[in-house]
């Protein structure tokens, strides 16, 4: 059972390293006086198990894990203050979301609201 405990401990330590605020908030992107901070959502699952074995069968241990990350929005900070923009559509990529948010922020900075969904 020591092997199972070692595997489980290693898995939990790796999850602890991965699951922190730095991974939910992306690196800020600054351009023309606006800052865009990407927001993501992630989920995970894991399991571990093992057997000490018998005289007829050997000991066995194993772990497994899976997860995923998806963009959910961005925090935009510009001359008009700070706001959260959400990702729209299931196939929107983080690059599309950031590019759109940056374009809106730059348009607002210029005073051009034609590219802004708010009108």
PDB file of N, CA and C in Angstrom:
ATOM      1  N   UNK A   1       0.813  -1.208   0.000  1.00  0.00           N
ATOM      2  CA  UNK A   1       0.000   0.000   0.000  1.00  0.00           C
ATOM      3  C   UNK A   1       0.850   1.262   0.000  1.00  0.00           C
ATOM      4  N   UNK A   2       2.115   1.153   0.340  1.00  0.00           N
ATOM      5  CA  UNK A   2       2.987   2.328   0.307  1.00  0.00           C
ATOM      6  C   UNK A   2       3.082   2.903  -1.096  1.00  0.00           C
ATOM      7  N   UNK A   3       3.069   2.020  -2.118  1.00  0.00           N
ATOM      8  CA  UNK A   3       3.138   2.492  -3.496  1.00  0.00           C
ATOM      9  C   UNK A   3       1.916   3.330  -3.862  1.00  0.00           C
ATOM     10  N   UNK A   4       0.741   2.898  -3.431  1.00  0.00           N
ATOM     11  CA  UNK A   4      -0.485   3.652  -3.706  1.00  0.00           C
ATOM     12  C   UNK A   4      -0.412   5.011  -3.031  1.00  0.00           C
ATOM     13  N   UNK A   5       0.038   5.049  -1.801  1.00  0.00           N
ATOM     14  CA  UNK A   5       0.144   6.318  -1.093  1.00  0.00           C
ATOM     15  C   UNK A   5       1.130   7.258  -1.776  1.00  0.00           C
ATOM     16  N   UNK A   6       2.254   6.722  -2.260  1.00  0.00           N
ATOM     17  CA  UNK A   6       3.238   7.543  -2.975  1.00  0.00           C
ATOM     18  C   UNK A   6       2.648   8.095  -4.269  1.00  0.00           C
ATOM     19  N   UNK A   7       1.944   7.241  -5.024  1.00  0.00           N
ATOM     20  CA  UNK A   7       1.321   7.690  -6.259  1.00  0.00           C
ATOM     21  C   UNK A   7       0.261   8.752  -6.003  1.00  0.00           C
ATOM     22  N   UNK A   8      -0.571   8.515  -5.005  1.00  0.00           N
ATOM     23  CA  UNK A   8      -1.613   9.473  -4.671  1.00  0.00           C
ATOM     24  C   UNK A   8      -1.010  10.793  -4.207  1.00  0.00           C
ATOM     25  N   UNK A   9       0.011  10.723  -3.383  1.00  0.00           N
ATOM     26  CA  UNK A   9       0.675  11.940  -2.897  1.00  0.00           C
ATOM     27  C   UNK A   9       1.276  12.717  -4.066  1.00  0.00           C
ATOM     28  N   UNK A  10       1.932  12.024  -4.990  1.00  0.00           N
ATOM     29  CA  UNK A  10       2.509  12.685  -6.163  1.00  0.00           C
ATOM     30  C   UNK A  10       1.446  13.346  -7.025  1.00  0.00           C
ATOM     31  N   UNK A  11       0.308  12.662  -7.207  1.00  0.00           N
ATOM     32  CA  UNK A  11      -0.792  13.218  -7.995  1.00  0.00           C
ATOM     33  C   UNK A  11      -1.359  14.466  -7.337  1.00  0.00           C
ATOM     34  N   UNK A  12      -1.593  14.416  -6.049  1.00  0.00           N
ATOM     35  CA  UNK A  12      -2.123  15.567  -5.324  1.00  0.00           C
ATOM     36  C   UNK A  12      -1.145  16.735  -5.357  1.00  0.00           C
ATOM     37  N   UNK A  13       0.150  16.472  -5.224  1.00  0.00           N
ATOM     38  CA  UNK A  13       1.147  17.540  -5.290  1.00  0.00           C
ATOM     39  C   UNK A  13       1.146  18.205  -6.665  1.00  0.00           C
ATOM     40  N   UNK A  14       1.019  17.411  -7.716  1.00  0.00           N
ATOM     41  CA  UNK A  14       0.980  17.976  -9.071  1.00  0.00           C
ATOM     42  C   UNK A  14      -0.273  18.805  -9.274  1.00  0.00           C
ATOM     43  N   UNK A  15      -1.420  18.321  -8.794  1.00  0.00           N
ATOM     44  CA  UNK A  15      -2.658  19.094  -8.890  1.00  0.00           C
ATOM     45  C   UNK A  15      -2.558  20.400  -8.115  1.00  0.00           C
ATOM     46  N   UNK A  16      -1.930  20.356  -6.956  1.00  0.00           N
ATOM     47  CA  UNK A  16      -1.736  21.563  -6.157  1.00  0.00           C
ATOM     48  C   UNK A  16      -0.902  22.586  -6.928  1.00  0.00           C
ATOM     49  N   UNK A  17       0.084  22.102  -7.651  1.00  0.00           N
ATOM     50  CA  UNK A  17       0.938  22.990  -8.445  1.00  0.00           C
ATOM     51  C   UNK A  17       0.148  23.606  -9.601  1.00  0.00           C
ATOM     52  N   UNK A  18      -0.728  22.824 -10.210  1.00  0.00           N
ATOM     53  CA  UNK A  18      -1.487  23.290 -11.365  1.00  0.00           C
ATOM     54  C   UNK A  18      -2.679  24.168 -11.016  1.00  0.00           C
ATOM     55  N   UNK A  19      -3.340  23.872  -9.912  1.00  0.00           N
ATOM     56  CA  UNK A  19      -4.585  24.553  -9.568  1.00  0.00           C
ATOM     57  C   UNK A  19      -4.320  25.748  -8.668  1.00  0.00           C
ATOM     58  N   UNK A  20      -4.015  26.864  -9.279  1.00  0.00           N
ATOM     59  CA  UNK A  20      -3.799  28.096  -8.519  1.00  0.00           C
ATOM     60  C   UNK A  20      -4.290  29.271  -9.342  1.00  0.00           C
ATOM     61  N   UNK A  21      -4.386  30.433  -8.720  1.00  0.00           N
ATOM     62  CA  UNK A  21      -4.936  31.618  -9.387  1.00  0.00           C
ATOM     63  C   UNK A  21      -4.138  32.016 -10.623  1.00  0.00           C
ATOM     64  N   UNK A  22      -2.851  31.739 -10.643  1.00  0.00           N
ATOM     65  CA  UNK A  22      -2.044  32.107 -11.809  1.00  0.00           C
ATOM     66  C   UNK A  22      -2.515  31.381 -13.065  1.00  0.00           C
ATOM     67  N   UNK A  23      -3.118  30.213 -12.898  1.00  0.00           N
ATOM     68  CA  UNK A  23      -3.595  29.462 -14.049  1.00  0.00           C
ATOM     69  C   UNK A  23      -5.021  29.831 -14.447  1.00  0.00           C
ATOM     70  N   UNK A  24      -5.737  30.550 -13.591  1.00  0.00           N
ATOM     71  CA  UNK A  24      -7.085  31.006 -13.921  1.00  0.00           C
ATOM     72  C   UNK A  24      -7.019  32.364 -14.614  1.00  0.00           C
ATOM     73  N   UNK A  25      -6.093  33.207 -14.181  1.00  0.00           N
ATOM     74  CA  UNK A  25      -5.873  34.505 -14.802  1.00  0.00           C
ATOM     75  C   UNK A  25      -4.656  34.402 -15.705  1.00  0.00           C
ATOM     76  N   UNK A  26      -4.837  34.681 -16.973  1.00  0.00           N
ATOM     77  CA  UNK A  26      -3.711  34.643 -17.902  1.00  0.00           C
ATOM     78  C   UNK A  26      -2.804  35.843 -17.731  1.00  0.00           C
ATOM     79  N   UNK A  27      -1.681  35.826 -18.416  1.00  0.00           N
ATOM     80  CA  UNK A  27      -0.743  36.938 -18.369  1.00  0.00           C
ATOM     81  C   UNK A  27      -1.397  38.171 -18.994  1.00  0.00           C
ATOM     82  N   UNK A  28      -1.309  39.313 -18.318  1.00  0.00           N
ATOM     83  CA  UNK A  28      -1.904  40.546 -18.864  1.00  0.00           C
ATOM     84  C   UNK A  28      -1.269  40.931 -20.202  1.00  0.00           C
ATOM     85  N   UNK A  29      -2.095  41.447 -21.093  1.00  0.00           N
ATOM     86  CA  UNK A  29      -1.648  41.934 -22.393  1.00  0.00           C
ATOM     87  C   UNK A  29      -1.899  43.434 -22.406  1.00  0.00           C
ATOM     88  N   UNK A  30      -0.850  44.218 -22.639  1.00  0.00           N
ATOM     89  CA  UNK A  30      -0.982  45.680 -22.634  1.00  0.00           C
ATOM     90  C   UNK A  30      -0.774  46.212 -24.035  1.00  0.00           C
ATOM     91  N   UNK A  31      -1.671  47.150 -24.436  1.00  0.00           N
ATOM     92  CA  UNK A  31      -1.571  47.739 -25.767  1.00  0.00           C
ATOM     93  C   UNK A  31      -2.313  49.055 -25.786  1.00  0.00           C
ATOM     94  N   UNK A  32      -1.673  50.096 -26.232  1.00  0.00           N
ATOM     95  CA  UNK A  32      -2.293  51.419 -26.410  1.00  0.00           C
ATOM     96  C   UNK A  32      -3.059  51.887 -25.172  1.00  0.00           C
ATOM     97  N   UNK A  33      -2.491  51.709 -24.009  1.00  0.00           N
ATOM     98  CA  UNK A  33      -3.114  52.180 -22.777  1.00  0.00           C
ATOM     99  C   UNK A  33      -4.194  51.283 -22.205  1.00  0.00           C
ATOM    100  N   UNK A  34      -4.460  50.142 -22.826  1.00  0.00           N
ATOM    101  CA  UNK A  34      -5.467  49.202 -22.318  1.00  0.00           C
ATOM    102  C   UNK A  34      -4.758  47.924 -21.872  1.00  0.00           C
ATOM    103  N   UNK A  35      -5.316  47.294 -20.843  1.00  0.00           N
ATOM    104  CA  UNK A  35      -4.796  46.017 -20.359  1.00  0.00           C
ATOM    105  C   UNK A  35      -5.909  44.975 -20.451  1.00  0.00           C
ATOM    106  N   UNK A  36      -5.580  43.827 -21.031  1.00  0.00           N
ATOM    107  CA  UNK A  36      -6.531  42.718 -21.165  1.00  0.00           C
ATOM    108  C   UNK A  36      -5.976  41.540 -20.367  1.00  0.00           C
ATOM    109  N   UNK A  37      -6.779  41.027 -19.430  1.00  0.00           N
ATOM    110  CA  UNK A  37      -6.378  39.879 -18.616  1.00  0.00           C
ATOM    111  C   UNK A  37      -7.323  38.721 -18.938  1.00  0.00           C
ATOM    112  N   UNK A  38      -6.834  37.685 -19.641  1.00  0.00           N
ATOM    113  CA  UNK A  38      -7.695  36.547 -19.989  1.00  0.00           C
ATOM    114  C   UNK A  38      -8.138  35.762 -18.746  1.00  0.00           C
ATOM    115  N   UNK A  39      -9.380  35.281 -18.771  1.00  0.00           N
ATOM    116  CA  UNK A  39      -9.941  34.432 -17.714  1.00  0.00           C
ATOM    117  C   UNK A  39     -10.264  33.069 -18.303  1.00  0.00           C
ATOM    118  N   UNK A  40      -9.904  32.005 -17.596  1.00  0.00           N
ATOM    119  CA  UNK A  40     -10.192  30.656 -18.057  1.00  0.00           C
ATOM    120  C   UNK A  40     -10.855  29.845 -16.949  1.00  0.00           C
ATOM    121  N   UNK A  41     -11.520  28.787 -17.359  1.00  0.00           N
ATOM    122  CA  UNK A  41     -12.128  27.834 -16.440  1.00  0.00           C
ATOM    123  C   UNK A  41     -11.473  26.487 -16.690  1.00  0.00           C
ATOM    124  N   UNK A  42     -11.207  25.761 -15.630  1.00  0.00           N
ATOM    125  CA  UNK A  42     -10.646  24.436 -15.839  1.00  0.00           C
ATOM    126  C   UNK A  42     -11.250  23.448 -14.867  1.00  0.00           C
ATOM    127  N   UNK A  43     -11.278  22.200 -15.289  1.00  0.00           N
ATOM    128  CA  UNK A  43     -11.802  21.127 -14.462  1.00  0.00           C
ATOM    129  C   UNK A  43     -10.875  19.932 -14.534  1.00  0.00           C
ATOM    130  N   UNK A  44     -11.009  19.059 -13.581  1.00  0.00           N
ATOM    131  CA  UNK A  44     -10.119  17.906 -13.550  1.00  0.00           C
ATOM    132  C   UNK A  44     -10.762  16.778 -12.770  1.00  0.00           C
ATOM    133  N   UNK A  45     -10.193  15.604 -12.928  1.00  0.00           N
ATOM    134  CA  UNK A  45     -10.583  14.443 -12.150  1.00  0.00           C
ATOM    135  C   UNK A  45      -9.387  13.515 -12.037  1.00  0.00           C
ATOM    136  N   UNK A  46      -9.303  12.792 -10.966  1.00  0.00           N
ATOM    137  CA  UNK A  46      -8.200  11.845 -10.825  1.00  0.00           C
ATOM    138  C   UNK A  46      -8.612  10.711  -9.907  1.00  0.00           C
ATOM    139  N   UNK A  47      -7.854   9.645  -9.995  1.00  0.00           N
ATOM    140  CA  UNK A  47      -8.096   8.496  -9.136  1.00  0.00           C
ATOM    141  C   UNK A  47      -6.821   7.695  -8.953  1.00  0.00           C
ATOM    142  N   UNK A  48      -6.779   6.920  -7.916  1.00  0.00           N
ATOM    143  CA  UNK A  48      -5.617   6.065  -7.641  1.00  0.00           C
ATOM    144  C   UNK A  48      -6.116   4.796  -6.965  1.00  0.00           C
ATOM    145  N   UNK A  49      -5.400   3.721  -7.186  1.00  0.00           N
ATOM    146  CA  UNK A  49      -5.792   2.472  -6.554  1.00  0.00           C
ATOM    147  C   UNK A  49      -4.661   1.465  -6.604  1.00  0.00           C
ATOM    148  N   UNK A  50      -4.834   0.409  -5.893  1.00  0.00           N
ATOM    149  CA  UNK A  50      -3.802  -0.608  -5.903  1.00  0.00           C
ATOM    150  C   UNK A  50      -4.205  -1.816  -5.094  1.00  0.00           C
ATOM    151  N   UNK A  51      -3.359  -2.807  -5.196  1.00  0.00           N
ATOM    152  CA  UNK A  51      -3.579  -4.048  -4.480  1.00  0.00           C
ATOM    153  C   UNK A  51      -2.243  -4.547  -3.950  1.00  0.00           C
ATOM    154  N   UNK A  52      -2.255  -5.056  -2.727  1.00  0.00           N
ATOM    155  CA  UNK A  52      -1.034  -5.614  -2.143  1.00  0.00           C
ATOM    156  C   UNK A  52      -0.701  -6.961  -2.778  1.00  0.00           C
ATOM    157  N   UNK A  53      -1.668  -7.585  -3.422  1.00  0.00           N
ATOM    158  CA  UNK A  53      -1.427  -8.866  -4.072  1.00  0.00           C
ATOM    159  C   UNK A  53      -1.562 -10.030  -3.107  1.00  0.00           C
ATOM    160  N   UNK A  54      -1.479 -11.216  -3.685  1.00  0.00           N
ATOM    161  CA  UNK A  54      -1.548 -12.457  -2.919  1.00  0.00           C
ATOM    162  C   UNK A  54      -0.398 -13.350  -3.364  1.00  0.00           C
ATOM    163  N   UNK A  55      -0.375 -14.545  -2.849  1.00  0.00           N
ATOM    164  CA  UNK A  55       0.663 -15.489  -3.276  1.00  0.00           C
ATOM    165  C   UNK A  55       0.533 -15.827  -4.758  1.00  0.00           C
ATOM    166  N   UNK A  56      -0.702 -15.810  -5.270  1.00  0.00           N
ATOM    167  CA  UNK A  56      -0.954 -16.175  -6.666  1.00  0.00           C
ATOM    168  C   UNK A  56      -0.872 -14.981  -7.623  1.00  0.00           C
ATOM    169  N   UNK A  57      -1.015 -13.783  -7.113  1.00  0.00           N
ATOM    170  CA  UNK A  57      -0.979 -12.600  -7.984  1.00  0.00           C
ATOM    171  C   UNK A  57      -0.084 -11.535  -7.357  1.00  0.00           C
ATOM    172  N   UNK A  58       0.554 -10.791  -8.199  1.00  0.00           N
ATOM    173  CA  UNK A  58       1.466  -9.758  -7.723  1.00  0.00           C
ATOM    174  C   UNK A  58       0.748  -8.482  -7.330  1.00  0.00           C
ATOM    175  N   UNK A  59       1.482  -7.595  -6.716  1.00  0.00           N
ATOM    176  CA  UNK A  59       0.944  -6.294  -6.321  1.00  0.00           C
ATOM    177  C   UNK A  59       0.784  -5.405  -7.553  1.00  0.00           C
ATOM    178  N   UNK A  60      -0.174  -4.481  -7.512  1.00  0.00           N
ATOM    179  CA  UNK A  60      -0.404  -3.564  -8.624  1.00  0.00           C
ATOM    180  C   UNK A  60      -0.844  -2.206  -8.084  1.00  0.00           C
ATOM    181  N   UNK A  61      -0.402  -1.165  -8.732  1.00  0.00           N
ATOM    182  CA  UNK A  61      -0.830   0.195  -8.381  1.00  0.00           C
ATOM    183  C   UNK A  61      -1.049   0.987  -9.656  1.00  0.00           C
ATOM    184  N   UNK A  62      -1.803   2.063  -9.555  1.00  0.00           N
ATOM    185  CA  UNK A  62      -2.011   2.917 -10.715  1.00  0.00           C
ATOM    186  C   UNK A  62      -2.712   4.206 -10.351  1.00  0.00           C
ATOM    187  N   UNK A  63      -2.497   5.216 -11.158  1.00  0.00           N
ATOM    188  CA  UNK A  63      -3.207   6.484 -11.029  1.00  0.00           C
ATOM    189  C   UNK A  63      -3.635   6.928 -12.413  1.00  0.00           C
ATOM    190  N   UNK A  64      -4.606   7.782 -12.456  1.00  0.00           N
ATOM    191  CA  UNK A  64      -5.056   8.351 -13.718  1.00  0.00           C
ATOM    192  C   UNK A  64      -5.621   9.735 -13.460  1.00  0.00           C
ATOM    193  N   UNK A  65      -5.509  10.608 -14.447  1.00  0.00           N
ATOM    194  CA  UNK A  65      -6.025  11.964 -14.310  1.00  0.00           C
ATOM    195  C   UNK A  65      -6.405  12.504 -15.675  1.00  0.00           C
ATOM    196  N   UNK A  66      -7.302  13.456 -15.679  1.00  0.00           N
ATOM    197  CA  UNK A  66      -7.696  14.125 -16.909  1.00  0.00           C
ATOM    198  C   UNK A  66      -8.229  15.497 -16.579  1.00  0.00           C
ATOM    199  N   UNK A  67      -8.189  16.373 -17.542  1.00  0.00           N
ATOM    200  CA  UNK A  67      -8.675  17.724 -17.289  1.00  0.00           C
ATOM    201  C   UNK A  67      -8.818  18.506 -18.576  1.00  0.00           C
ATOM    202  N   UNK A  68      -9.316  19.703 -18.439  1.00  0.00           N
ATOM    203  CA  UNK A  68      -9.482  20.574 -19.591  1.00  0.00           C
ATOM    204  C   UNK A  68      -9.516  22.026 -19.163  1.00  0.00           C
ATOM    205  N   UNK A  69      -9.194  22.897 -20.120  1.00  0.00           N
ATOM    206  CA  UNK A  69      -9.176  24.344 -19.885  1.00  0.00           C
ATOM    207  C   UNK A  69      -9.941  25.006 -21.023  1.00  0.00           C
ATOM    208  N   UNK A  70     -10.777  25.997 -20.695  1.00  0.00           N
ATOM    209  CA  UNK A  70     -11.457  26.740 -21.754  1.00  0.00           C
ATOM    210  C   UNK A  70     -11.529  28.216 -21.378  1.00  0.00           C
ATOM    211  N   UNK A  71     -11.427  29.099 -22.372  1.00  0.00           N
ATOM    212  CA  UNK A  71     -11.534  30.534 -22.101  1.00  0.00           C
ATOM    213  C   UNK A  71     -12.969  30.888 -21.737  1.00  0.00           C
ATOM    214  N   UNK A  72     -13.143  31.772 -20.770  1.00  0.00           N
ATOM    215  CA  UNK A  72     -14.485  32.203 -20.389  1.00  0.00           C
ATOM    216  C   UNK A  72     -14.684  33.706 -20.521  1.00  0.00           C
ATOM    217  N   UNK A  73     -13.607  34.466 -20.586  1.00  0.00           N
ATOM    218  CA  UNK A  73     -13.749  35.911 -20.705  1.00  0.00           C
ATOM    219  C   UNK A  73     -12.433  36.627 -20.497  1.00  0.00           C
ATOM    220  N   UNK A  74     -12.551  37.930 -20.277  1.00  0.00           N
ATOM    221  CA  UNK A  74     -11.364  38.747 -20.034  1.00  0.00           C
ATOM    222  C   UNK A  74     -11.742  39.941 -19.192  1.00  0.00           C
ATOM    223  N   UNK A  75     -10.806  40.391 -18.400  1.00  0.00           N
ATOM    224  CA  UNK A  75     -10.947  41.651 -17.669  1.00  0.00           C
ATOM    225  C   UNK A  75     -10.271  42.712 -18.535  1.00  0.00           C
ATOM    226  N   UNK A  76     -11.001  43.768 -18.844  1.00  0.00           N
ATOM    227  CA  UNK A  76     -10.470  44.858 -19.662  1.00  0.00           C
ATOM    228  C   UNK A  76     -10.306  46.072 -18.757  1.00  0.00           C
ATOM    229  N   UNK A  77      -9.126  46.638 -18.763  1.00  0.00           N
ATOM    230  CA  UNK A  77      -8.860  47.856 -17.990  1.00  0.00           C
ATOM    231  C   UNK A  77      -8.375  48.904 -18.979  1.00  0.00           C
ATOM    232  N   UNK A  78      -9.122  50.018 -19.074  1.00  0.00           N
ATOM    233  CA  UNK A  78      -8.736  51.096 -19.982  1.00  0.00           C
ATOM    234  C   UNK A  78      -9.152  52.432 -19.384  1.00  0.00           C
ATOM    235  N   UNK A  79      -9.174  53.472 -20.206  1.00  0.00           N
ATOM    236  CA  UNK A  79      -9.532  54.816 -19.734  1.00  0.00           C
ATOM    237  C   UNK A  79     -10.954  54.890 -19.189  1.00  0.00           C
ATOM    238  N   UNK A  80     -11.793  53.947 -19.572  1.00  0.00           N
ATOM    239  CA  UNK A  80     -13.186  53.944 -19.128  1.00  0.00           C
ATOM    240  C   UNK A  80     -13.394  53.119 -17.859  1.00  0.00           C
ATOM    241  N   UNK A  81     -12.337  52.584 -17.288  1.00  0.00           N
ATOM    242  CA  UNK A  81     -12.434  51.774 -16.076  1.00  0.00           C
ATOM    243  C   UNK A  81     -12.139  50.314 -16.351  1.00  0.00           C
ATOM    244  N   UNK A  82     -12.675  49.460 -15.494  1.00  0.00           N
ATOM    245  CA  UNK A  82     -12.468  48.013 -15.619  1.00  0.00           C
ATOM    246  C   UNK A  82     -13.817  47.344 -15.831  1.00  0.00           C
ATOM    247  N   UNK A  83     -13.819  46.314 -16.681  1.00  0.00           N
ATOM    248  CA  UNK A  83     -15.043  45.553 -16.927  1.00  0.00           C
ATOM    249  C   UNK A  83     -14.670  44.129 -17.324  1.00  0.00           C
ATOM    250  N   UNK A  84     -15.652  43.253 -17.269  1.00  0.00           N
ATOM    251  CA  UNK A  84     -15.450  41.860 -17.660  1.00  0.00           C
ATOM    252  C   UNK A  84     -16.232  41.619 -18.944  1.00  0.00           C
ATOM    253  N   UNK A  85     -15.557  41.073 -19.941  1.00  0.00           N
ATOM    254  CA  UNK A  85     -16.192  40.683 -21.209  1.00  0.00           C
ATOM    255  C   UNK A  85     -16.220  39.162 -21.241  1.00  0.00           C
ATOM    256  N   UNK A  86     -17.370  38.573 -21.563  1.00  0.00           N
ATOM    257  CA  UNK A  86     -17.479  37.121 -21.618  1.00  0.00           C
ATOM    258  C   UNK A  86     -17.179  36.587 -23.009  1.00  0.00           C
ATOM    259  N   UNK A  87     -16.784  35.330 -23.082  1.00  0.00           N
ATOM    260  CA  UNK A  87     -16.587  34.651 -24.358  1.00  0.00           C
ATOM    261  C   UNK A  87     -17.959  34.237 -24.859  1.00  0.00           C
ATOM    262  N   UNK A  88     -18.211  34.468 -26.136  1.00  0.00           N
ATOM    263  CA  UNK A  88     -19.498  34.088 -26.728  1.00  0.00           C
ATOM    264  C   UNK A  88     -19.285  32.963 -27.724  1.00  0.00           C
ATOM    265  N   UNK A  89     -20.054  31.908 -27.636  1.00  0.00           N
ATOM    266  CA  UNK A  89     -19.975  30.801 -28.591  1.00  0.00           C
ATOM    267  C   UNK A  89     -19.050  29.699 -28.116  1.00  0.00           C
ATOM    268  N   UNK A  90     -19.385  28.486 -28.473  1.00  0.00           N
ATOM    269  CA  UNK A  90     -18.637  27.321 -28.007  1.00  0.00           C
ATOM    270  C   UNK A  90     -17.289  27.175 -28.688  1.00  0.00           C
ATOM    271  N   UNK A  91     -17.109  27.725 -29.885  1.00  0.00           N
ATOM    272  CA  UNK A  91     -15.859  27.531 -30.603  1.00  0.00           C
ATOM    273  C   UNK A  91     -14.941  28.745 -30.544  1.00  0.00           C
ATOM    274  N   UNK A  92     -15.263  29.724 -29.713  1.00  0.00           N
ATOM    275  CA  UNK A  92     -14.419  30.902 -29.578  1.00  0.00           C
ATOM    276  C   UNK A  92     -13.091  30.501 -28.956  1.00  0.00           C
ATOM    277  N   UNK A  93     -12.014  30.932 -29.560  1.00  0.00           N
ATOM    278  CA  UNK A  93     -10.700  30.633 -29.015  1.00  0.00           C
ATOM    279  C   UNK A  93     -10.223  31.794 -28.169  1.00  0.00           C
ATOM    280  N   UNK A  94      -9.276  31.532 -27.311  1.00  0.00           N
ATOM    281  CA  UNK A  94      -8.722  32.586 -26.463  1.00  0.00           C
ATOM    282  C   UNK A  94      -8.119  33.693 -27.322  1.00  0.00           C
ATOM    283  N   UNK A  95      -7.509  33.335 -28.439  1.00  0.00           N
ATOM    284  CA  UNK A  95      -6.917  34.348 -29.315  1.00  0.00           C
ATOM    285  C   UNK A  95      -7.998  35.256 -29.897  1.00  0.00           C
ATOM    286  N   UNK A  96      -9.121  34.671 -30.341  1.00  0.00           N
ATOM    287  CA  UNK A  96     -10.225  35.473 -30.875  1.00  0.00           C
ATOM    288  C   UNK A  96     -10.776  36.404 -29.812  1.00  0.00           C
ATOM    289  N   UNK A  97     -10.954  35.875 -28.597  1.00  0.00           N
ATOM    290  CA  UNK A  97     -11.516  36.655 -27.511  1.00  0.00           C
ATOM    291  C   UNK A  97     -10.603  37.825 -27.145  1.00  0.00           C
ATOM    292  N   UNK A  98      -9.320  37.560 -27.041  1.00  0.00           N
ATOM    293  CA  UNK A  98      -8.373  38.611 -26.679  1.00  0.00           C
ATOM    294  C   UNK A  98      -8.288  39.650 -27.788  1.00  0.00           C
ATOM    295  N   UNK A  99      -8.244  39.208 -29.038  1.00  0.00           N
ATOM    296  CA  UNK A  99      -8.170  40.146 -30.157  1.00  0.00           C
ATOM    297  C   UNK A  99      -9.405  41.039 -30.206  1.00  0.00           C
ATOM    298  N   UNK A 100     -10.577  40.456 -30.020  1.00  0.00           N
ATOM    299  CA  UNK A 100     -11.815  41.232 -30.032  1.00  0.00           C
ATOM    300  C   UNK A 100     -11.844  42.238 -28.885  1.00  0.00           C
ATOM    301  N   UNK A 101     -11.474  41.786 -27.681  1.00  0.00           N
ATOM    302  CA  UNK A 101     -11.472  42.673 -26.521  1.00  0.00           C
ATOM    303  C   UNK A 101     -10.466  43.806 -26.696  1.00  0.00           C
ATOM    304  N   UNK A 102      -9.293  43.494 -27.246  1.00  0.00           N
ATOM    305  CA  UNK A 102      -8.279  44.532 -27.457  1.00  0.00           C
ATOM    306  C   UNK A 102      -8.760  45.536 -28.499  1.00  0.00           C
ATOM    307  N   UNK A 103      -9.410  45.057 -29.556  1.00  0.00           N
ATOM    308  CA  UNK A 103      -9.932  45.958 -30.589  1.00  0.00           C
ATOM    309  C   UNK A 103     -10.976  46.901 -30.004  1.00  0.00           C
ATOM    310  N   UNK A 104     -11.864  46.375 -29.161  1.00  0.00           N
ATOM    311  CA  UNK A 104     -12.875  47.211 -28.520  1.00  0.00           C
ATOM    312  C   UNK A 104     -12.230  48.257 -27.618  1.00  0.00           C
ATOM    313  N   UNK A 105     -11.228  47.836 -26.850  1.00  0.00           N
ATOM    314  CA  UNK A 105     -10.557  48.773 -25.945  1.00  0.00           C
ATOM    315  C   UNK A 105      -9.866  49.885 -26.729  1.00  0.00           C
ATOM    316  N   UNK A 106      -9.214  49.524 -27.830  1.00  0.00           N
ATOM    317  CA  UNK A 106      -8.528  50.537 -28.636  1.00  0.00           C
ATOM    318  C   UNK A 106      -9.535  51.474 -29.309  1.00  0.00           C
ATOM    319  N   UNK A 107     -10.673  50.924 -29.756  1.00  0.00           N
ATOM    320  CA  UNK A 107     -11.706  51.762 -30.367  1.00  0.00           C
ATOM    321  C   UNK A 107     -12.262  52.744 -29.351  1.00  0.00           C
ATOM    322  N   UNK A 108     -12.483  52.287 -28.139  1.00  0.00           N
ATOM    323  CA  UNK A 108     -12.970  53.195 -27.091  1.00  0.00           C
ATOM    324  C   UNK A 108     -11.955  54.272 -26.775  1.00  0.00           C
ATOM    325  N   UNK A 109     -10.694  53.907 -26.776  1.00  0.00           N
ATOM    326  CA  UNK A 109      -9.636  54.882 -26.502  1.00  0.00           C
ATOM    327  C   UNK A 109      -9.637  55.978 -27.562  1.00  0.00           C
ATOM    328  N   UNK A 110      -9.889  55.614 -28.818  1.00  0.00           N
ATOM    329  CA  UNK A 110      -9.946  56.591 -29.917  1.00  0.00           C
ATOM    330  C   UNK A 110     -11.268  57.352 -29.923  1.00  0.00           C
ATOM    331  N   UNK A 111     -12.246  56.866 -29.162  1.00  0.00           N
ATOM    332  CA  UNK A 111     -13.564  57.498 -29.177  1.00  0.00           C
ATOM    333  C   UNK A 111     -14.448  56.971 -30.289  1.00  0.00           C
ATOM    334  N   UNK A 112     -13.985  55.952 -31.012  1.00  0.00           N
ATOM    335  CA  UNK A 112     -14.718  55.332 -32.103  1.00  0.00           C
ATOM    336  C   UNK A 112     -15.505  54.169 -31.547  1.00  0.00           C
ATOM    337  N   UNK A 113     -16.812  54.295 -31.464  1.00  0.00           N
ATOM    338  CA  UNK A 113     -17.629  53.231 -30.870  1.00  0.00           C
ATOM    339  C   UNK A 113     -18.295  52.353 -31.927  1.00  0.00           C
ATOM    340  N   UNK A 114     -17.881  52.453 -33.195  1.00  0.00           N
ATOM    341  CA  UNK A 114     -18.528  51.652 -34.235  1.00  0.00           C
ATOM    342  C   UNK A 114     -18.212  50.171 -34.101  1.00  0.00           C
ATOM    343  N   UNK A 115     -17.060  49.836 -33.488  1.00  0.00           N
ATOM    344  CA  UNK A 115     -16.709  48.431 -33.304  1.00  0.00           C
ATOM    345  C   UNK A 115     -17.155  47.904 -31.952  1.00  0.00           C
ATOM    346  N   UNK A 116     -17.883  48.674 -31.196  1.00  0.00           N
ATOM    347  CA  UNK A 116     -18.285  48.315 -29.842  1.00  0.00           C
ATOM    348  C   UNK A 116     -19.704  47.778 -29.852  1.00  0.00           C
ATOM    349  N   UNK A 117     -19.945  46.601 -29.302  1.00  0.00           N
ATOM    350  CA  UNK A 117     -21.278  46.012 -29.242  1.00  0.00           C
ATOM    351  C   UNK A 117     -22.251  46.866 -28.453  1.00  0.00           C
ATOM    352  N   UNK A 118     -21.755  47.676 -27.501  1.00  0.00           N
ATOM    353  CA  UNK A 118     -22.620  48.495 -26.651  1.00  0.00           C
ATOM    354  C   UNK A 118     -23.218  49.659 -27.431  1.00  0.00           C
ATOM    355  N   UNK A 119     -22.711  49.926 -28.623  1.00  0.00           N
ATOM    356  CA  UNK A 119     -23.289  50.976 -29.465  1.00  0.00           C
ATOM    357  C   UNK A 119     -22.562  52.200 -29.294  1.00  0.00           C
TER     358      UNK A 119
END
